[in-house]
Amino acid sequence: MRSYTHIAGGIIFTLLVMYILNIPVSAFYIFLAGAAAVIPDLLDYMFMEKHNRETHNIWILLVLMGLCLVNPIFIIIAAAYFSHLVLDLLTSHGVRLLYPLKKTRFVCMGDKNRVKTGTNREKALFFFLVILVAGGVLMNYQVFTLIDSAAAIEPTTTVENNTTNASNAKTYINVQVQVDETMVNKNISIKNSQNESNIIVTEIS
């Protein structure tokens, strides 16, 4: 398949993986996914005499998946690389997934349904992937925007709740009245949680 088809496929598959793993979408990750999606073809052109897809195998994919434990950024690269293998499985040539252990070419569909490079069927597949990419980017942008908005509103709601609770709080005061019939003045002792006050009340009948 053409590079642009692999780029579109790499981006959409990487967006799916990022959504599943709850990885925030960024322009850098999208660019990295598009670049990593053509890595297998670049390796073939750089190190192989012919484009025999000898670097299109699961062994390189397993290495990339192992590197995810070292640096999470390899999740993006591994996802894009995997998308390249999947798309090439749809072509008439197939992929040597187990090379160099086996030179068998693996394909997903019969001869009549396979996608040939540069044909209208590939172009239709490309436009379909572009639509998915646009929808995936917009969906992820809206989801993370809503999450950020909710996080920004939550502290304000908490403050308002605390203010409401504080205004509804009640203070209880214990009042002790000491009455001595032989005295004209009466002593009232008022106690609350902070201090104690004595009030002299006169002329209580």
C-alpha atoms as a PDB file:
ATOM      1  CA  MET A   1       0.000   0.000   0.000  1.00  0.00           C
ATOM      2  CA  ARG A   2       0.948   3.622  -0.433  1.00  0.00           C
ATOM      3  CA  SER A   3       2.578   5.533   2.397  1.00  0.00           C
ATOM      4  CA  TYR A   4      -0.395   7.866   2.838  1.00  0.00           C
ATOM      5  CA  THR A   5      -2.695   4.899   3.449  1.00  0.00           C
ATOM      6  CA  HIS A   6      -0.359   3.530   6.089  1.00  0.00           C
ATOM      7  CA  ILE A   7      -0.092   6.953   7.727  1.00  0.00           C
ATOM      8  CA  ALA A   8      -3.872   7.272   7.983  1.00  0.00           C
ATOM      9  CA  GLY A   9      -4.176   3.710   9.276  1.00  0.00           C
ATOM     10  CA  GLY A  10      -1.389   4.222  11.791  1.00  0.00           C
ATOM     11  CA  ILE A  11      -3.010   7.338  13.201  1.00  0.00           C
ATOM     12  CA  ILE A  12      -6.484   5.846  13.571  1.00  0.00           C
ATOM     13  CA  PHE A  13      -5.213   2.647  15.193  1.00  0.00           C
ATOM     14  CA  THR A  14      -2.972   4.634  17.550  1.00  0.00           C
ATOM     15  CA  LEU A  15      -5.917   6.848  18.536  1.00  0.00           C
ATOM     16  CA  LEU A  16      -7.854   3.711  19.387  1.00  0.00           C
ATOM     17  CA  VAL A  17      -5.026   2.389  21.562  1.00  0.00           C
ATOM     18  CA  MET A  18      -4.643   5.780  23.264  1.00  0.00           C
ATOM     19  CA  TYR A  19      -8.373   5.848  23.987  1.00  0.00           C
ATOM     20  CA  ILE A  20      -8.277   2.346  25.505  1.00  0.00           C
ATOM     21  CA  LEU A  21      -5.202   3.140  27.635  1.00  0.00           C
ATOM     22  CA  ASN A  22      -6.520   6.623  28.543  1.00  0.00           C
ATOM     23  CA  ILE A  23      -3.516   8.406  27.021  1.00  0.00           C
ATOM     24  CA  PRO A  24      -4.116  12.124  26.325  1.00  0.00           C
ATOM     25  CA  VAL A  25      -4.086  12.963  22.625  1.00  0.00           C
ATOM     26  CA  SER A  26      -1.474  15.459  21.463  1.00  0.00           C
ATOM     27  CA  ALA A  27      -0.228  16.738  18.117  1.00  0.00           C
ATOM     28  CA  PHE A  28       3.178  15.176  18.803  1.00  0.00           C
ATOM     29  CA  TYR A  29       1.697  11.706  19.336  1.00  0.00           C
ATOM     30  CA  ILE A  30      -0.354  11.985  16.135  1.00  0.00           C
ATOM     31  CA  PHE A  31       2.743  13.038  14.175  1.00  0.00           C
ATOM     32  CA  LEU A  32       4.765  10.208  15.750  1.00  0.00           C
ATOM     33  CA  ALA A  33       2.086   7.674  14.860  1.00  0.00           C
ATOM     34  CA  GLY A  34       2.079   8.804  11.225  1.00  0.00           C
ATOM     35  CA  ALA A  35       5.860   8.594  11.018  1.00  0.00           C
ATOM     36  CA  ALA A  36       6.061   5.194  12.739  1.00  0.00           C
ATOM     37  CA  ALA A  37       3.418   3.771  10.411  1.00  0.00           C
ATOM     38  CA  VAL A  38       5.870   3.798   7.482  1.00  0.00           C
ATOM     39  CA  ILE A  39       8.863   2.441   9.441  1.00  0.00           C
ATOM     40  CA  PRO A  40       8.597  -1.108   7.980  1.00  0.00           C
ATOM     41  CA  ASP A  41       8.804   0.196   4.397  1.00  0.00           C
ATOM     42  CA  LEU A  42      11.680   2.516   5.285  1.00  0.00           C
ATOM     43  CA  LEU A  43      13.610  -0.367   6.827  1.00  0.00           C
ATOM     44  CA  ASP A  44      13.065  -2.447   3.698  1.00  0.00           C
ATOM     45  CA  TYR A  45      14.313   0.298   1.386  1.00  0.00           C
ATOM     46  CA  MET A  46      17.316   1.049   3.610  1.00  0.00           C
ATOM     47  CA  PHE A  47      18.548  -2.466   4.393  1.00  0.00           C
ATOM     48  CA  MET A  48      17.014  -4.790   1.778  1.00  0.00           C
ATOM     49  CA  GLU A  49      17.796  -5.001  -1.928  1.00  0.00           C
ATOM     50  CA  LYS A  50      14.138  -5.345  -2.862  1.00  0.00           C
ATOM     51  CA  HIS A  51      10.876  -4.423  -1.197  1.00  0.00           C
ATOM     52  CA  ASN A  52      10.173  -7.982  -0.080  1.00  0.00           C
ATOM     53  CA  ARG A  53       8.653  -6.895   3.246  1.00  0.00           C
ATOM     54  CA  GLU A  54      11.214  -8.914   5.169  1.00  0.00           C
ATOM     55  CA  THR A  55      11.031  -6.393   8.011  1.00  0.00           C
ATOM     56  CA  HIS A  56       7.256  -6.818   8.179  1.00  0.00           C
ATOM     57  CA  ASN A  57       7.311  -9.439  10.909  1.00  0.00           C
ATOM     58  CA  ILE A  58       6.067  -9.936  14.442  1.00  0.00           C
ATOM     59  CA  TRP A  59       9.600 -10.109  15.895  1.00  0.00           C
ATOM     60  CA  ILE A  60      10.192  -6.395  15.453  1.00  0.00           C
ATOM     61  CA  LEU A  61       6.719  -5.789  16.848  1.00  0.00           C
ATOM     62  CA  LEU A  62       7.545  -7.848  19.937  1.00  0.00           C
ATOM     63  CA  VAL A  63      10.741  -5.831  20.453  1.00  0.00           C
ATOM     64  CA  LEU A  64       8.760  -2.602  20.264  1.00  0.00           C
ATOM     65  CA  MET A  65       6.207  -3.943  22.734  1.00  0.00           C
ATOM     66  CA  GLY A  66       9.035  -4.845  25.109  1.00  0.00           C
ATOM     67  CA  LEU A  67      10.422  -1.322  24.836  1.00  0.00           C
ATOM     68  CA  CYS A  68       7.054  -0.026  26.040  1.00  0.00           C
ATOM     69  CA  LEU A  69       8.134  -1.137  29.517  1.00  0.00           C
ATOM     70  CA  VAL A  70      11.191   1.131  29.245  1.00  0.00           C
ATOM     71  CA  ASN A  71       9.479   4.171  27.754  1.00  0.00           C
ATOM     72  CA  PRO A  72       5.692   4.548  27.251  1.00  0.00           C
ATOM     73  CA  ILE A  73       6.305   6.468  24.015  1.00  0.00           C
ATOM     74  CA  PHE A  74       6.978   3.119  22.321  1.00  0.00           C
ATOM     75  CA  ILE A  75       3.269   2.352  22.786  1.00  0.00           C
ATOM     76  CA  ILE A  76       2.601   4.841  20.003  1.00  0.00           C
ATOM     77  CA  ILE A  77       5.319   3.373  17.775  1.00  0.00           C
ATOM     78  CA  ALA A  78       4.247  -0.229  18.376  1.00  0.00           C
ATOM     79  CA  ALA A  79       0.593   0.601  17.637  1.00  0.00           C
ATOM     80  CA  ALA A  80       1.486   2.311  14.350  1.00  0.00           C
ATOM     81  CA  TYR A  81       3.823  -0.537  13.368  1.00  0.00           C
ATOM     82  CA  PHE A  82       1.082  -3.070  14.084  1.00  0.00           C
ATOM     83  CA  SER A  83      -1.362  -1.125  11.900  1.00  0.00           C
ATOM     84  CA  HIS A  84       1.128  -1.363   9.001  1.00  0.00           C
ATOM     85  CA  LEU A  85       1.194  -5.149   9.296  1.00  0.00           C
ATOM     86  CA  VAL A  86      -2.599  -5.342   9.422  1.00  0.00           C
ATOM     87  CA  LEU A  87      -3.056  -3.199   6.330  1.00  0.00           C
ATOM     88  CA  ASP A  88      -0.444  -5.167   4.374  1.00  0.00           C
ATOM     89  CA  LEU A  89      -2.304  -8.355   5.264  1.00  0.00           C
ATOM     90  CA  LEU A  90      -5.113  -6.986   3.113  1.00  0.00           C
ATOM     91  CA  THR A  91      -2.906  -6.680   0.025  1.00  0.00           C
ATOM     92  CA  SER A  92      -2.361  -9.222  -2.715  1.00  0.00           C
ATOM     93  CA  HIS A  93       1.253  -9.840  -1.638  1.00  0.00           C
ATOM     94  CA  GLY A  94       0.568 -10.470   2.024  1.00  0.00           C
ATOM     95  CA  VAL A  95       3.152 -10.360   4.813  1.00  0.00           C
ATOM     96  CA  ARG A  96       5.882 -12.725   5.979  1.00  0.00           C
ATOM     97  CA  LEU A  97       4.973 -12.457   9.647  1.00  0.00           C
ATOM     98  CA  LEU A  98       7.326 -15.226  10.802  1.00  0.00           C
ATOM     99  CA  TYR A  99      10.347 -14.326   8.641  1.00  0.00           C
ATOM    100  CA  PRO A 100      13.142 -15.526   8.832  1.00  0.00           C
ATOM    101  CA  LEU A 101      11.773 -18.659  10.525  1.00  0.00           C
ATOM    102  CA  LYS A 102       9.211 -19.091   7.753  1.00  0.00           C
ATOM    103  CA  LYS A 103       8.888 -17.413   4.383  1.00  0.00           C
ATOM    104  CA  THR A 104       5.158 -18.076   4.165  1.00  0.00           C
ATOM    105  CA  ARG A 105       3.125 -15.028   3.210  1.00  0.00           C
ATOM    106  CA  PHE A 106       0.048 -14.448   5.324  1.00  0.00           C
ATOM    107  CA  VAL A 107      -3.071 -12.790   3.897  1.00  0.00           C
ATOM    108  CA  CYS A 108      -6.488 -11.962   5.316  1.00  0.00           C
ATOM    109  CA  MET A 109      -8.768 -12.362   2.298  1.00  0.00           C
ATOM    110  CA  GLY A 110      -9.127 -14.186  -0.982  1.00  0.00           C
ATOM    111  CA  ASP A 111      -7.529 -12.991  -4.227  1.00  0.00           C
ATOM    112  CA  LYS A 112     -10.618 -11.146  -5.459  1.00  0.00           C
ATOM    113  CA  ASN A 113     -11.095  -9.165  -2.241  1.00  0.00           C
ATOM    114  CA  ARG A 114      -7.483  -8.132  -1.667  1.00  0.00           C
ATOM    115  CA  VAL A 115      -6.383  -4.519  -2.037  1.00  0.00           C
ATOM    116  CA  LYS A 116      -3.860  -3.813  -4.787  1.00  0.00           C
ATOM    117  CA  THR A 117      -1.490  -0.876  -4.406  1.00  0.00           C
ATOM    118  CA  GLY A 118      -2.571   2.294  -6.177  1.00  0.00           C
ATOM    119  CA  THR A 119      -6.014   1.026  -7.199  1.00  0.00           C
ATOM    120  CA  ASN A 120      -9.346   2.698  -6.574  1.00  0.00           C
ATOM    121  CA  ARG A 121      -9.991   0.193  -3.812  1.00  0.00           C
ATOM    122  CA  GLU A 122      -6.945   1.435  -1.921  1.00  0.00           C
ATOM    123  CA  LYS A 123      -8.002   5.059  -2.470  1.00  0.00           C
ATOM    124  CA  ALA A 124     -11.446   4.254  -1.099  1.00  0.00           C
ATOM    125  CA  LEU A 125      -9.813   2.625   1.917  1.00  0.00           C
ATOM    126  CA  PHE A 126      -7.632   5.699   2.392  1.00  0.00           C
ATOM    127  CA  PHE A 127     -10.587   8.117   2.378  1.00  0.00           C
ATOM    128  CA  PHE A 128     -12.448   5.867   4.798  1.00  0.00           C
ATOM    129  CA  LEU A 129      -9.457   5.925   7.176  1.00  0.00           C
ATOM    130  CA  VAL A 130      -9.186   9.721   6.865  1.00  0.00           C
ATOM    131  CA  ILE A 131     -12.815  10.057   7.948  1.00  0.00           C
ATOM    132  CA  LEU A 132     -12.118   7.811  10.925  1.00  0.00           C
ATOM    133  CA  VAL A 133      -9.029   9.850  11.827  1.00  0.00           C
ATOM    134  CA  ALA A 134     -10.997  13.114  11.740  1.00  0.00           C
ATOM    135  CA  GLY A 135     -13.764  11.618  13.864  1.00  0.00           C
ATOM    136  CA  GLY A 136     -11.278  10.097  16.309  1.00  0.00           C
ATOM    137  CA  VAL A 137      -9.393  13.361  16.795  1.00  0.00           C
ATOM    138  CA  LEU A 138     -12.587  15.329  17.370  1.00  0.00           C
ATOM    139  CA  MET A 139     -13.986  12.720  19.743  1.00  0.00           C
ATOM    140  CA  ASN A 140     -10.829  12.600  21.847  1.00  0.00           C
ATOM    141  CA  TYR A 141     -10.604  16.404  21.893  1.00  0.00           C
ATOM    142  CA  GLN A 142     -14.182  16.734  23.134  1.00  0.00           C
ATOM    143  CA  VAL A 143     -13.804  13.999  25.733  1.00  0.00           C
ATOM    144  CA  PHE A 144     -10.668  15.460  27.261  1.00  0.00           C
ATOM    145  CA  THR A 145     -12.080  19.005  27.086  1.00  0.00           C
ATOM    146  CA  LEU A 146     -15.131  17.902  29.044  1.00  0.00           C
ATOM    147  CA  ILE A 147     -12.921  16.186  31.611  1.00  0.00           C
ATOM    148  CA  ASP A 148     -10.824  19.329  32.064  1.00  0.00           C
ATOM    149  CA  SER A 149     -13.959  21.468  32.407  1.00  0.00           C
ATOM    150  CA  ALA A 150     -15.415  19.152  35.029  1.00  0.00           C
ATOM    151  CA  ALA A 151     -12.153  19.221  36.979  1.00  0.00           C
ATOM    152  CA  ALA A 152     -12.151  23.022  36.921  1.00  0.00           C
ATOM    153  CA  ILE A 153     -15.744  23.257  38.179  1.00  0.00           C
ATOM    154  CA  GLU A 154     -15.384  20.719  40.980  1.00  0.00           C
ATOM    155  CA  PRO A 155     -13.281  22.863  43.414  1.00  0.00           C
ATOM    156  CA  THR A 156     -15.788  25.754  43.111  1.00  0.00           C
ATOM    157  CA  THR A 157     -18.640  23.443  43.962  1.00  0.00           C
ATOM    158  CA  THR A 158     -16.731  22.183  46.980  1.00  0.00           C
ATOM    159  CA  VAL A 159     -16.119  25.707  48.244  1.00  0.00           C
ATOM    160  CA  GLU A 160     -19.781  26.572  47.825  1.00  0.00           C
ATOM    161  CA  ASN A 161     -20.800  23.471  49.732  1.00  0.00           C
ATOM    162  CA  ASN A 162     -18.397  24.296  52.544  1.00  0.00           C
ATOM    163  CA  THR A 163     -19.757  27.849  52.709  1.00  0.00           C
ATOM    164  CA  THR A 164     -23.323  26.575  52.849  1.00  0.00           C
ATOM    165  CA  ASN A 165     -22.456  24.113  55.603  1.00  0.00           C
ATOM    166  CA  ALA A 166     -20.719  26.822  57.568  1.00  0.00           C
ATOM    167  CA  SER A 167     -23.728  29.164  57.318  1.00  0.00           C
ATOM    168  CA  ASN A 168     -26.058  26.399  58.473  1.00  0.00           C
ATOM    169  CA  ALA A 169     -23.908  25.517  61.468  1.00  0.00           C
ATOM    170  CA  LYS A 170     -25.498  26.108  64.886  1.00  0.00           C
ATOM    171  CA  THR A 171     -23.818  27.203  68.122  1.00  0.00           C
ATOM    172  CA  TYR A 172     -25.144  25.846  71.394  1.00  0.00           C
ATOM    173  CA  ILE A 173     -24.651  27.818  74.623  1.00  0.00           C
ATOM    174  CA  ASN A 174     -25.171  26.408  78.094  1.00  0.00           C
ATOM    175  CA  VAL A 175     -26.820  28.849  80.481  1.00  0.00           C
ATOM    176  CA  GLN A 176     -26.652  28.266  84.224  1.00  0.00           C
ATOM    177  CA  VAL A 177     -28.791  30.395  86.525  1.00  0.00           C
ATOM    178  CA  GLN A 178     -27.892  30.571  90.222  1.00  0.00           C
ATOM    179  CA  VAL A 179     -30.753  31.950  92.290  1.00  0.00           C
ATOM    180  CA  ASP A 180     -30.295  32.920  95.915  1.00  0.00           C
ATOM    181  CA  GLU A 181     -33.485  34.288  97.483  1.00  0.00           C
ATOM    182  CA  THR A 182     -31.543  36.195 100.115  1.00  0.00           C
ATOM    183  CA  MET A 183     -29.671  38.261  97.491  1.00  0.00           C
ATOM    184  CA  VAL A 184     -31.123  41.106  95.472  1.00  0.00           C
ATOM    185  CA  ASN A 185     -28.789  40.622  92.529  1.00  0.00           C
ATOM    186  CA  LYS A 186     -28.903  37.392  90.587  1.00  0.00           C
ATOM    187  CA  ASN A 187     -25.821  35.803  88.994  1.00  0.00           C
ATOM    188  CA  ILE A 188     -26.214  34.214  85.542  1.00  0.00           C
ATOM    189  CA  SER A 189     -23.266  32.147  84.212  1.00  0.00           C
ATOM    190  CA  ILE A 190     -23.077  31.687  80.430  1.00  0.00           C
ATOM    191  CA  LYS A 191     -20.716  29.060  78.968  1.00  0.00           C
ATOM    192  CA  ASN A 192     -19.897  28.336  75.346  1.00  0.00           C
ATOM    193  CA  SER A 193     -17.136  26.421  73.542  1.00  0.00           C
ATOM    194  CA  GLN A 194     -14.694  29.360  73.705  1.00  0.00           C
ATOM    195  CA  ASN A 195     -15.024  31.136  77.018  1.00  0.00           C
ATOM    196  CA  GLU A 196     -17.125  31.628  80.131  1.00  0.00           C
ATOM    197  CA  SER A 197     -18.924  34.825  81.058  1.00  0.00           C
ATOM    198  CA  ASN A 198     -20.658  35.965  84.263  1.00  0.00           C
ATOM    199  CA  ILE A 199     -23.520  38.419  83.992  1.00  0.00           C
ATOM    200  CA  ILE A 200     -25.100  40.170  86.982  1.00  0.00           C
ATOM    201  CA  VAL A 201     -28.827  40.713  86.571  1.00  0.00           C
ATOM    202  CA  THR A 202     -30.603  42.922  89.037  1.00  0.00           C
ATOM    203  CA  GLU A 203     -34.198  43.185  90.114  1.00  0.00           C
ATOM    204  CA  ILE A 204     -35.391  39.766  89.097  1.00  0.00           C
ATOM    205  CA  SER A 205     -38.679  38.964  90.779  1.00  0.00           C
END
